């Protein structure tokens, strides 16, 4: 009986310790996500291309959140921070007719960006693929520098992925949001960040 109680107490302590460690891990990542600001516009170096990371389309048009990213990219493009815009994202689940990149391209065309200044990448299904496939397009075209455009809550992980993929310098212009539930998206980002760190470890281990 005493042995059984000791085993139960040991299991209980391990469970409590594990839960505490998990909570601490999540808290640290949540703080990292919240505190990331990206580079202010006046500190961004001119780049060959601006990369807009994809997000959902609504009825084959950019969602309000994706419009925030596109509007940030459009402002930077008009300020001369880059010469062309690479829009990246594949087809959403749920019967979308256009890829995220095609929806973004149409949004930019409607706002006066010349078609030959927009480069669509239509296959990516994750942030890692967004940046990996965009990097491949850059190499194919002889472009060496980029400014990555996304939301603040998504910026730290995007910057770490870009660094892992060899972007240099890593420049992220991070948009604020007026339309998203930040607590939900930051919490979700903690899970995505954890998965990315595990994937990165496997990449290095391999």
Protein backbone atom coordinates (compact mmCIF):
# COMPACT_ATOMS: atom_id res chain seq x y z
CA UNK A 1 0.00 0.00 0.00
CA UNK A 2 2.79 2.43 0.95
CA UNK A 3 4.65 1.63 -2.26
CA UNK A 4 1.53 2.32 -4.26
CA UNK A 5 1.06 5.67 -2.51
CA UNK A 6 4.66 6.63 -3.23
CA UNK A 7 4.15 5.79 -6.89
CA UNK A 8 0.97 7.87 -7.03
CA UNK A 9 2.71 10.81 -5.32
CA UNK A 10 5.64 10.56 -7.73
CA UNK A 11 3.33 10.50 -10.72
CA UNK A 12 1.44 13.47 -9.30
CA UNK A 13 4.63 15.48 -8.79
CA UNK A 14 5.76 14.67 -12.33
CA UNK A 15 2.40 15.74 -13.71
CA UNK A 16 2.48 19.02 -11.78
CA UNK A 17 6.09 19.65 -12.84
CA UNK A 18 5.29 18.89 -16.45
CA UNK A 19 2.27 21.19 -16.41
CA UNK A 20 4.34 23.97 -14.86
CA UNK A 21 7.08 23.55 -17.46
CA UNK A 22 4.52 23.61 -20.28
CA UNK A 23 2.88 26.73 -18.87
CA UNK A 24 6.27 28.45 -18.56
CA UNK A 25 7.16 27.50 -22.16
CA UNK A 26 3.89 28.86 -23.48
CA UNK A 27 4.24 32.05 -21.46
CA UNK A 28 7.74 32.72 -22.79
CA UNK A 29 6.64 32.19 -26.38
CA UNK A 30 3.53 34.31 -25.84
CA UNK A 31 5.70 37.17 -24.59
CA UNK A 32 8.03 36.80 -27.60
CA UNK A 33 5.03 36.90 -29.94
CA UNK A 34 3.56 39.97 -28.21
CA UNK A 35 6.79 41.95 -28.02
CA UNK A 36 7.84 41.55 -31.66
CA UNK A 37 7.59 44.78 -33.64
CA UNK A 38 9.61 44.17 -36.80
CA UNK A 39 11.70 46.95 -38.30
CA UNK A 40 10.34 50.49 -38.40
CA UNK A 41 9.94 51.76 -41.94
CA UNK A 42 12.75 54.29 -41.57
CA UNK A 43 15.18 51.48 -40.67
CA UNK A 44 14.32 49.22 -43.61
CA UNK A 45 17.02 48.92 -46.25
CA UNK A 46 15.91 48.98 -49.88
CA UNK A 47 15.24 45.43 -51.08
CA UNK A 48 14.87 43.71 -54.42
CA UNK A 49 11.44 42.37 -53.50
CA UNK A 50 8.70 42.63 -50.89
CA UNK A 51 7.22 39.29 -49.85
CA UNK A 52 3.63 39.30 -48.60
CA UNK A 53 2.85 36.15 -46.62
CA UNK A 54 -0.52 34.66 -47.46
CA UNK A 55 -3.68 34.45 -45.38
CA UNK A 56 -7.27 33.51 -46.08
CA UNK A 57 -9.37 34.63 -49.00
CA UNK A 58 -13.07 35.31 -48.55
CA UNK A 59 -15.03 34.52 -51.70
CA UNK A 60 -11.74 34.61 -53.63
CA UNK A 61 -10.89 38.08 -52.32
CA UNK A 62 -8.41 38.93 -49.57
CA UNK A 63 -9.91 38.74 -46.09
CA UNK A 64 -9.80 41.97 -44.04
CA UNK A 65 -6.69 40.66 -42.26
CA UNK A 66 -4.92 39.87 -45.52
CA UNK A 67 -5.87 43.33 -46.79
CA UNK A 68 -3.94 44.77 -43.82
CA UNK A 69 -0.80 42.96 -44.98
CA UNK A 70 -1.35 44.02 -48.58
CA UNK A 71 -1.94 47.63 -47.63
CA UNK A 72 1.32 47.64 -45.65
CA UNK A 73 3.16 46.19 -48.66
CA UNK A 74 1.51 48.69 -50.98
CA UNK A 75 2.63 51.60 -48.79
CA UNK A 76 6.21 50.30 -48.72
CA UNK A 77 6.20 49.75 -52.48
CA UNK A 78 4.97 53.30 -53.10
CA UNK A 79 7.65 54.61 -50.74
CA UNK A 80 10.29 52.87 -52.86
CA UNK A 81 11.34 50.28 -50.28
CA UNK A 82 11.27 47.53 -52.92
CA UNK A 83 10.83 47.30 -56.68
CA UNK A 84 8.37 44.42 -56.93
CA UNK A 85 5.94 42.49 -54.75
CA UNK A 86 6.03 38.71 -54.38
CA UNK A 87 2.68 37.39 -53.14
CA UNK A 88 2.77 33.87 -51.76
CA UNK A 89 0.07 31.36 -50.84
CA UNK A 90 -1.65 28.33 -52.30
CA UNK A 91 -5.31 27.40 -52.61
CA UNK A 92 -7.37 27.51 -49.40
CA UNK A 93 -9.37 24.50 -48.34
CA UNK A 94 -13.10 24.82 -48.80
CA UNK A 95 -13.56 25.20 -52.53
CA UNK A 96 -11.63 28.38 -53.28
CA UNK A 97 -11.23 29.05 -56.98
CA UNK A 98 -8.11 31.18 -56.63
CA UNK A 99 -4.90 30.69 -54.72
CA UNK A 100 -4.13 33.21 -51.98
CA UNK A 101 -1.40 34.62 -54.24
CA UNK A 102 -3.83 35.13 -57.12
CA UNK A 103 -6.32 36.88 -54.85
CA UNK A 104 -3.55 39.14 -53.57
CA UNK A 105 -2.35 39.85 -57.10
CA UNK A 106 -5.85 40.95 -58.13
CA UNK A 107 -6.10 43.22 -55.08
CA UNK A 108 -2.82 44.93 -55.95
CA UNK A 109 -3.69 45.24 -59.63
CA UNK A 110 -6.93 47.00 -58.69
CA UNK A 111 -4.86 49.53 -56.74
CA UNK A 112 -2.59 50.42 -59.60
CA UNK A 113 0.42 48.14 -59.17
CA UNK A 114 1.66 47.12 -62.65
CA UNK A 115 1.26 43.43 -63.43
CA UNK A 116 4.96 43.06 -64.22
CA UNK A 117 5.76 44.26 -60.68
CA UNK A 118 3.76 41.43 -59.06
CA UNK A 119 5.19 37.92 -58.77
CA UNK A 120 2.72 35.21 -57.62
CA UNK A 121 3.87 32.07 -55.79
CA UNK A 122 0.82 29.80 -55.78
CA UNK A 123 1.90 26.53 -54.13
CA UNK A 124 2.80 27.31 -50.50
CA UNK A 125 0.60 25.93 -47.74
CA UNK A 126 2.52 27.13 -44.66
CA UNK A 127 4.75 29.98 -43.53
CA UNK A 128 7.81 27.79 -44.03
CA UNK A 129 6.75 27.04 -47.60
CA UNK A 130 5.86 30.71 -48.19
CA UNK A 131 9.42 31.68 -47.44
CA UNK A 132 11.12 28.62 -48.92
CA UNK A 133 9.36 28.87 -52.28
CA UNK A 134 9.78 32.66 -52.34
CA UNK A 135 13.50 32.21 -51.71
CA UNK A 136 13.69 29.85 -54.68
CA UNK A 137 11.97 32.43 -56.91
CA UNK A 138 14.43 35.07 -55.71
CA UNK A 139 17.38 32.86 -56.59
CA UNK A 140 15.94 32.10 -60.03
CA UNK A 141 15.66 35.82 -60.75
CA UNK A 142 18.94 36.94 -59.21
CA UNK A 143 17.28 38.83 -56.35
CA UNK A 144 19.19 38.75 -53.10
CA UNK A 145 17.29 40.93 -50.62
CA UNK A 146 13.70 41.01 -49.37
CA UNK A 147 11.36 42.72 -46.96
CA UNK A 148 8.85 40.26 -45.49
CA UNK A 149 5.40 41.68 -44.79
CA UNK A 150 3.09 40.05 -42.26
CA UNK A 151 1.30 40.82 -38.98
CA UNK A 152 3.14 41.57 -35.75
CA UNK A 153 1.92 38.43 -34.00
CA UNK A 154 3.32 36.38 -36.89
CA UNK A 155 6.54 38.31 -37.30
CA UNK A 156 8.94 36.64 -34.85
CA UNK A 157 8.37 33.14 -36.22
CA UNK A 158 8.54 34.43 -39.80
CA UNK A 159 11.86 36.12 -39.05
CA UNK A 160 13.27 32.94 -37.50
CA UNK A 161 12.18 30.86 -40.49
CA UNK A 162 13.71 33.42 -42.87
CA UNK A 163 16.99 33.31 -40.97
CA UNK A 164 17.00 29.51 -41.10
CA UNK A 165 16.42 29.63 -44.86
CA UNK A 166 19.34 31.98 -45.44
CA UNK A 167 17.65 35.34 -45.91
CA UNK A 168 20.21 38.06 -45.23
CA UNK A 169 19.51 40.55 -43.92
CA UNK A 170 16.26 39.42 -42.35
CA UNK A 171 13.84 42.34 -42.61
CA UNK A 172 10.24 42.04 -41.44
CA UNK A 173 7.73 44.86 -41.72
CA UNK A 174 5.03 43.95 -39.22
CA UNK A 175 1.50 45.29 -39.59
CA UNK A 176 -0.83 45.88 -36.67
CA UNK A 177 -4.39 44.65 -36.94
CA UNK A 178 -7.77 46.23 -36.37
CA UNK A 179 -9.78 43.19 -37.42
CA UNK A 180 -8.31 40.12 -35.70
CA UNK A 181 -8.85 38.76 -32.19
CA UNK A 182 -5.28 39.13 -30.98
CA UNK A 183 -5.56 36.87 -27.93
CA UNK A 184 -6.79 34.03 -30.13
CA UNK A 185 -4.19 34.55 -32.84
CA UNK A 186 -1.31 35.05 -30.43
CA UNK A 187 -2.30 31.88 -28.56
CA UNK A 188 -2.53 29.98 -31.83
CA UNK A 189 0.86 31.38 -32.81
CA UNK A 190 2.38 29.90 -29.65
CA UNK A 191 1.37 26.45 -30.90
CA UNK A 192 2.63 27.18 -34.42
CA UNK A 193 5.92 28.54 -33.02
CA UNK A 194 6.39 25.39 -30.92
CA UNK A 195 5.84 23.22 -34.00
CA UNK A 196 8.28 25.32 -35.99
CA UNK A 197 11.01 25.01 -33.34
CA UNK A 198 10.55 21.24 -33.39
CA UNK A 199 10.69 21.22 -37.19
CA UNK A 200 13.82 23.39 -37.13
CA UNK A 201 15.51 20.98 -34.75
CA UNK A 202 14.70 18.13 -37.12
CA UNK A 203 16.08 20.10 -40.08
CA UNK A 204 19.35 20.68 -38.27
CA UNK A 205 19.45 17.10 -36.98
CA UNK A 206 18.97 15.79 -40.52
